[in-house]
Amino acid sequence: MKKLEKEAVLKERVILVGAVSFFIFILPYILHLAINGIQPAMNVGFEEIDQTIQVEVDGRTVSIRLESYLVGALARSTENRYQDETLKAVAVILRSNAVCAIMEERAVDRDSFYTDEELRILWGEEYEKNLQRYQDAVKATEGIVIFYNGEIVEVPFHKISAGETRDGEILAQNLPYVQSVPSAEDMYADGYYMTMEIAGETLGGDFAIVSRDPWGYALTVKVKGEELSGEEFRRKYGLPSACFEYDKKEDFYVFYVRGKGHGFGLSIYGADALAGKGRSFAEILQYYYPGIEIRKENREDIHA
């Protein structure tokens, strides 16, 4: 009986101590609410973002660690012959674009990166060596993203320009940090100039370039009475870029194409040429994207 009485007294004391502790803990919060009211949640900074990215795979989304994704995306976008500063510059672009996708809660395309299994097939015996280089580039730029006017921005990039990059003013979203800059080294790149043939019946007898931009890229083309944008046309028919001239032969068209990709933002080949001249990844990025800021996790500026 005494044992039961002791247990009851002990239980009452535990409840009393718990109640007092809870009141002491919660009292400052109650007073804060009484004085200030309920405050809205603060904006989430980059350092507070969940560091995983959603990827579309076979009609579903899967979560992948951001830094792991970046290694595969960097390998997908570049070649291991590029210099370290080039890889770092592209790694920063990819991270900035990925962070924008995370903040907007949208998934990225499956074709934007290589899986580890794909890298083993791609690199073969050089897998370990190449993987270390790409991991080092991602690690060396960890947390670094691109800002414009105080906001993290998504930036376009491409393989090879037509000798000068294009101005973002002609894009629908008008990106002020995407400006035309010389990239003359691109004209010496393998794949800068290419000829292609397309059957006349595929494009129709009325094929024509309706409009061009000042850099020689087709903005609108006419195919069998239908108008397509230059980018739609080059993707649909497999041209490396929309910067082309053409000749009509008897039963086919011959296309003379310059550059690889859409021509906006950083040219990877041009960036590698700058790296070869001793430019840092920050200097390369600031050359191709005038007016940007390169920061680490929204706190520390990385100066060129």
Protein backbone atom coordinates (compact mmCIF):
# COMPACT_ATOMS: atom_id res chain seq x y z
CA MET A 1 0.00 0.00 0.00
CA LYS A 2 2.80 2.38 0.91
CA LYS A 3 4.45 1.52 -2.39
CA LEU A 4 1.32 2.53 -4.30
CA GLU A 5 1.08 5.80 -2.34
CA LYS A 6 4.72 6.64 -3.12
CA GLU A 7 4.18 5.95 -6.84
CA ALA A 8 1.10 8.21 -6.84
CA VAL A 9 3.00 11.03 -5.14
CA LEU A 10 5.92 10.60 -7.58
CA LYS A 11 3.53 10.70 -10.54
CA GLU A 12 1.94 13.92 -9.25
CA ARG A 13 5.37 15.54 -8.86
CA VAL A 14 6.42 14.55 -12.41
CA ILE A 15 3.19 16.05 -13.81
CA LEU A 16 3.71 19.22 -11.76
CA VAL A 17 7.35 19.62 -12.86
CA GLY A 18 6.37 19.02 -16.49
CA ALA A 19 3.62 21.63 -16.34
CA VAL A 20 5.92 24.22 -14.76
CA SER A 21 8.68 23.51 -17.32
CA PHE A 22 6.24 23.81 -20.22
CA PHE A 23 4.90 27.11 -18.87
CA ILE A 24 8.43 28.50 -18.45
CA PHE A 25 9.30 27.42 -22.01
CA ILE A 26 6.14 28.74 -23.65
CA LEU A 27 5.79 31.99 -21.64
CA PRO A 28 8.28 34.06 -23.73
CA TYR A 29 6.51 32.99 -26.92
CA ILE A 30 3.08 33.94 -25.46
CA LEU A 31 4.40 37.36 -24.43
CA HIS A 32 5.96 37.86 -27.88
CA LEU A 33 2.63 37.12 -29.59
CA ALA A 34 0.78 39.41 -27.18
CA ILE A 35 3.14 42.29 -27.97
CA ASN A 36 3.94 41.75 -31.69
CA GLY A 37 1.14 39.57 -32.99
CA ILE A 38 1.67 36.68 -35.40
CA GLN A 39 4.51 37.51 -37.82
CA PRO A 40 4.62 36.30 -41.45
CA ALA A 41 7.19 33.66 -42.37
CA MET A 42 10.50 35.01 -43.65
CA ASN A 43 11.61 34.36 -47.23
CA VAL A 44 13.66 31.21 -47.51
CA GLY A 45 17.27 31.85 -48.53
CA PHE A 46 19.33 29.62 -50.82
CA GLU A 47 21.15 28.07 -47.87
CA GLU A 48 17.80 26.89 -46.47
CA ILE A 49 16.60 25.22 -49.67
CA ASP A 50 16.26 21.45 -49.57
CA GLN A 51 19.41 20.35 -51.38
CA THR A 52 17.77 17.75 -53.59
CA ILE A 53 16.43 18.20 -57.10
CA GLN A 54 13.42 16.56 -58.74
CA VAL A 55 14.12 14.75 -62.02
CA GLU A 56 11.53 13.46 -64.50
CA VAL A 57 12.19 9.75 -65.11
CA ASP A 58 9.78 7.58 -67.10
CA GLY A 59 6.75 9.73 -66.30
CA ARG A 60 7.50 10.06 -62.59
CA THR A 61 9.71 12.31 -60.50
CA VAL A 62 12.60 11.11 -58.37
CA SER A 63 14.72 13.06 -55.88
CA ILE A 64 18.48 13.24 -56.39
CA ARG A 65 21.05 14.97 -54.20
CA LEU A 66 21.91 18.28 -55.84
CA GLU A 67 25.69 17.86 -55.81
CA SER A 68 25.41 14.33 -57.25
CA TYR A 69 23.09 15.59 -59.98
CA LEU A 70 25.56 18.37 -60.83
CA VAL A 71 28.39 15.90 -61.47
CA GLY A 72 26.23 14.02 -63.97
CA ALA A 73 24.91 17.25 -65.52
CA LEU A 74 28.43 18.62 -65.89
CA ALA A 75 29.53 15.44 -67.64
CA ARG A 76 26.49 15.67 -69.92
CA SER A 77 27.24 19.28 -70.86
CA THR A 78 31.03 19.19 -71.32
CA GLU A 79 33.93 16.99 -72.36
CA ASN A 80 36.80 15.90 -70.15
CA ARG A 81 39.30 17.63 -72.46
CA TYR A 82 38.15 21.00 -71.15
CA GLN A 83 40.25 22.84 -68.60
CA ASP A 84 39.45 22.97 -64.90
CA GLU A 85 38.28 26.61 -64.90
CA THR A 86 35.92 25.83 -67.78
CA LEU A 87 34.40 22.95 -65.84
CA LYS A 88 34.02 25.17 -62.78
CA ALA A 89 32.27 27.89 -64.82
CA VAL A 90 29.78 25.42 -66.25
CA ALA A 91 29.28 23.84 -62.81
CA VAL A 92 28.23 27.26 -61.43
CA ILE A 93 25.78 27.73 -64.32
CA LEU A 94 24.28 24.30 -63.75
CA ARG A 95 23.95 24.87 -60.00
CA SER A 96 22.30 28.26 -60.50
CA ASN A 97 19.84 26.76 -62.99
CA ALA A 98 19.16 23.80 -60.71
CA VAL A 99 18.53 26.03 -57.69
CA CYS A 100 16.03 28.05 -59.75
CA ALA A 101 14.22 24.80 -60.56
CA ILE A 102 14.21 23.82 -56.88
CA MET A 103 12.82 27.20 -55.79
CA GLU A 104 10.12 27.01 -58.47
CA GLU A 105 9.29 23.43 -57.45
CA ARG A 106 9.68 22.06 -60.96
CA ALA A 107 11.46 18.94 -62.14
CA VAL A 108 14.34 18.95 -64.60
CA ASP A 109 14.53 16.75 -67.67
CA ARG A 110 16.03 13.27 -67.43
CA ASP A 111 18.28 14.04 -70.41
CA SER A 112 19.97 16.86 -68.51
CA PHE A 113 22.46 14.56 -66.76
CA TYR A 114 24.24 11.19 -66.85
CA THR A 115 23.73 8.58 -64.16
CA ASP A 116 26.70 6.87 -62.56
CA GLU A 117 26.01 3.75 -64.65
CA GLU A 118 26.04 5.83 -67.83
CA LEU A 119 29.29 7.50 -66.82
CA ARG A 120 30.93 4.11 -66.30
CA ILE A 121 29.96 3.15 -69.84
CA LEU A 122 30.95 6.53 -71.28
CA TRP A 123 34.37 6.74 -69.64
CA GLY A 124 35.31 3.08 -69.40
CA GLU A 125 38.80 2.65 -67.99
CA GLU A 126 39.09 6.39 -67.34
CA TYR A 127 35.98 6.43 -65.15
CA GLU A 128 37.78 6.94 -61.82
CA LYS A 129 40.11 9.64 -63.14
CA ASN A 130 37.39 11.59 -64.96
CA LEU A 131 34.90 11.25 -62.12
CA GLN A 132 37.42 12.75 -59.70
CA ARG A 133 37.96 15.76 -61.99
CA TYR A 134 34.25 16.43 -62.28
CA GLN A 135 33.66 15.95 -58.57
CA ASP A 136 36.53 18.36 -57.87
CA ALA A 137 34.97 21.01 -60.15
CA VAL A 138 31.62 20.70 -58.38
CA LYS A 139 33.25 20.68 -54.94
CA ALA A 140 35.45 23.70 -55.73
CA THR A 141 32.33 25.73 -56.58
CA GLU A 142 30.08 24.29 -53.88
CA GLY A 143 27.20 26.63 -53.07
CA ILE A 144 28.21 29.23 -55.67
CA VAL A 145 25.39 30.56 -57.84
CA ILE A 146 24.72 33.49 -60.20
CA PHE A 147 22.80 36.57 -59.08
CA TYR A 148 21.38 39.52 -60.99
CA ASN A 149 19.74 42.42 -59.17
CA GLY A 150 19.83 40.46 -55.92
CA GLU A 151 18.11 37.33 -57.25
CA ILE A 152 19.41 33.92 -58.27
CA VAL A 153 18.96 33.62 -62.03
CA GLU A 154 18.76 30.88 -64.63
CA VAL A 155 21.23 31.42 -67.48
CA PRO A 156 21.46 29.85 -70.95
CA PHE A 157 24.66 28.40 -72.40
CA HIS A 158 25.66 26.50 -75.53
CA LYS A 159 28.49 24.56 -77.16
CA ILE A 160 29.89 26.85 -79.88
CA SER A 161 28.81 30.32 -80.99
CA ALA A 162 28.88 31.61 -84.55
CA GLY A 163 31.74 33.92 -83.58
CA GLU A 164 29.64 36.20 -81.37
CA THR A 165 26.96 35.36 -78.82
CA ARG A 166 23.37 36.58 -79.21
CA ASP A 167 21.61 39.32 -77.25
CA GLY A 168 18.93 38.23 -74.76
CA GLU A 169 16.68 41.10 -75.84
CA ILE A 170 15.26 38.92 -78.60
CA LEU A 171 14.18 36.26 -76.11
CA ALA A 172 10.59 36.29 -74.86
CA GLN A 173 11.70 36.77 -71.23
CA ASN A 174 14.25 39.50 -72.16
CA LEU A 175 17.26 38.54 -70.03
CA PRO A 176 19.34 41.73 -69.50
CA TYR A 177 22.42 39.80 -68.35
CA VAL A 178 22.51 37.84 -71.63
CA GLN A 179 24.30 40.24 -73.97
CA SER A 180 26.12 39.81 -77.24
CA VAL A 181 29.89 39.48 -76.71
CA PRO A 182 32.66 38.47 -79.13
CA SER A 183 33.67 34.81 -79.03
CA ALA A 184 35.92 34.64 -82.08
CA GLU A 185 37.88 31.63 -80.83
CA ASP A 186 34.78 29.53 -81.56
CA MET A 187 35.53 29.78 -85.28
CA TYR A 188 38.50 27.44 -84.73
CA ALA A 189 36.47 24.76 -82.96
CA ASP A 190 35.88 21.32 -84.41
CA GLY A 191 32.25 21.35 -85.48
CA TYR A 192 32.06 25.12 -85.92
CA TYR A 193 31.11 24.72 -89.60
CA MET A 194 29.05 21.87 -91.02
CA THR A 195 27.14 21.08 -94.21
CA MET A 196 23.98 18.99 -94.23
CA GLU A 197 21.55 17.76 -96.85
CA ILE A 198 17.77 17.45 -96.42
CA ALA A 199 15.49 15.95 -99.06
CA GLY A 200 13.40 18.48 -100.94
CA GLU A 201 10.19 16.55 -100.36
CA THR A 202 10.81 16.76 -96.60
CA LEU A 203 10.84 20.57 -96.55
CA GLY A 204 8.65 21.29 -99.55
CA GLY A 205 9.28 23.52 -102.53
CA ASP A 206 8.42 26.71 -100.68
CA PHE A 207 11.04 26.39 -97.93
CA ALA A 208 12.43 29.80 -96.99
CA ILE A 209 13.95 31.81 -94.16
CA VAL A 210 11.33 34.39 -93.21
CA SER A 211 13.40 36.40 -90.71
CA ARG A 212 16.86 36.49 -89.17
CA ASP A 213 18.43 38.18 -86.17
CA PRO A 214 21.50 40.47 -86.45
CA TRP A 215 23.81 37.51 -85.70
CA GLY A 216 22.67 35.45 -88.68
CA TYR A 217 20.38 33.02 -86.83
CA ALA A 218 17.06 32.17 -88.45
CA LEU A 219 14.22 33.47 -86.29
CA THR A 220 11.38 32.14 -88.47
CA VAL A 221 11.37 29.65 -91.36
CA LYS A 222 8.63 28.48 -93.70
CA VAL A 223 8.24 24.70 -94.18
CA LYS A 224 5.41 23.39 -96.38
CA GLY A 225 3.34 26.49 -95.71
CA GLU A 226 3.90 26.32 -91.95
CA GLU A 227 6.04 28.77 -90.01
CA LEU A 228 8.44 27.46 -87.37
CA SER A 229 10.88 29.29 -85.13
CA GLY A 230 14.52 28.84 -86.02
CA GLU A 231 15.10 26.79 -82.87
CA GLU A 232 12.08 24.55 -83.55
CA PHE A 233 13.33 23.98 -87.10
CA ARG A 234 16.89 23.09 -86.18
CA ARG A 235 15.79 20.67 -83.44
CA LYS A 236 13.17 19.02 -85.65
CA TYR A 237 15.55 18.46 -88.56
CA GLY A 238 18.77 17.85 -86.63
CA LEU A 239 20.78 20.95 -87.54
CA PRO A 240 23.49 21.87 -85.00
CA SER A 241 22.30 25.49 -84.91
CA ALA A 242 19.85 27.90 -86.51
CA CYS A 243 22.68 30.01 -87.91
CA PHE A 244 22.66 28.75 -91.49
CA GLU A 245 22.53 29.52 -95.19
CA TYR A 246 21.14 27.08 -97.73
CA ASP A 247 21.07 26.19 -101.44
CA LYS A 248 18.23 24.49 -103.30
CA LYS A 249 19.44 21.68 -105.55
CA GLU A 250 17.32 19.53 -107.84
CA ASP A 251 15.77 17.30 -105.22
CA PHE A 252 17.44 18.36 -101.96
CA TYR A 253 18.56 21.33 -99.90
CA VAL A 254 22.15 21.89 -98.76
CA PHE A 255 22.56 23.69 -95.42
CA TYR A 256 25.74 25.49 -94.39
CA VAL A 257 25.63 25.73 -90.60
CA ARG A 258 27.80 27.67 -88.16
CA GLY A 259 28.04 27.01 -84.42
CA LYS A 260 26.40 24.47 -82.10
CA GLY A 261 23.42 25.33 -79.94
CA HIS A 262 21.19 28.38 -79.61
CA GLY A 263 24.01 30.93 -79.30
CA PHE A 264 22.83 32.62 -76.07
CA GLY A 265 25.05 33.10 -73.03
CA LEU A 266 28.30 31.29 -72.40
CA SER A 267 29.94 29.39 -75.25
CA ILE A 268 31.70 26.40 -73.71
CA TYR A 269 34.39 26.34 -76.41
CA GLY A 270 34.94 30.09 -76.04
CA ALA A 271 35.06 29.74 -72.27
CA ASP A 272 37.75 27.09 -72.61
CA ALA A 273 39.76 29.44 -74.81
CA LEU A 274 39.57 32.09 -72.09
CA ALA A 275 40.60 29.52 -69.47
CA GLY A 276 43.61 28.74 -71.65
CA LYS A 277 44.58 32.40 -71.37
CA GLY A 278 44.54 32.21 -67.57
CA ARG A 279 41.04 33.52 -66.88
CA SER A 280 39.33 32.23 -63.71
CA PHE A 281 35.85 30.70 -63.76
CA ALA A 282 34.48 33.92 -62.22
CA GLU A 283 36.11 36.08 -64.90
CA ILE A 284 34.76 33.80 -67.61
CA LEU A 285 31.21 34.01 -66.26
CA GLN A 286 31.35 37.77 -65.88
CA TYR A 287 32.57 38.10 -69.46
CA TYR A 288 29.69 36.14 -70.94
CA TYR A 289 27.05 37.50 -68.54
CA PRO A 290 27.78 41.22 -67.99
CA GLY A 291 26.40 42.67 -64.78
CA ILE A 292 26.01 39.41 -62.84
CA GLU A 293 27.21 38.75 -59.31
CA ILE A 294 28.79 35.44 -58.35
CA ARG A 295 28.04 34.57 -54.74
CA LYS A 296 28.26 31.64 -52.40
CA GLU A 297 25.00 30.74 -50.64
CA ASN A 298 23.64 34.28 -50.77
CA ARG A 299 26.28 35.58 -48.37
CA GLU A 300 29.83 35.80 -49.67
CA ASP A 301 30.72 37.55 -52.93
CA ILE A 302 33.19 35.76 -55.19
CA HIS A 303 35.11 38.47 -57.00
CA ALA A 304 36.80 37.91 -60.35
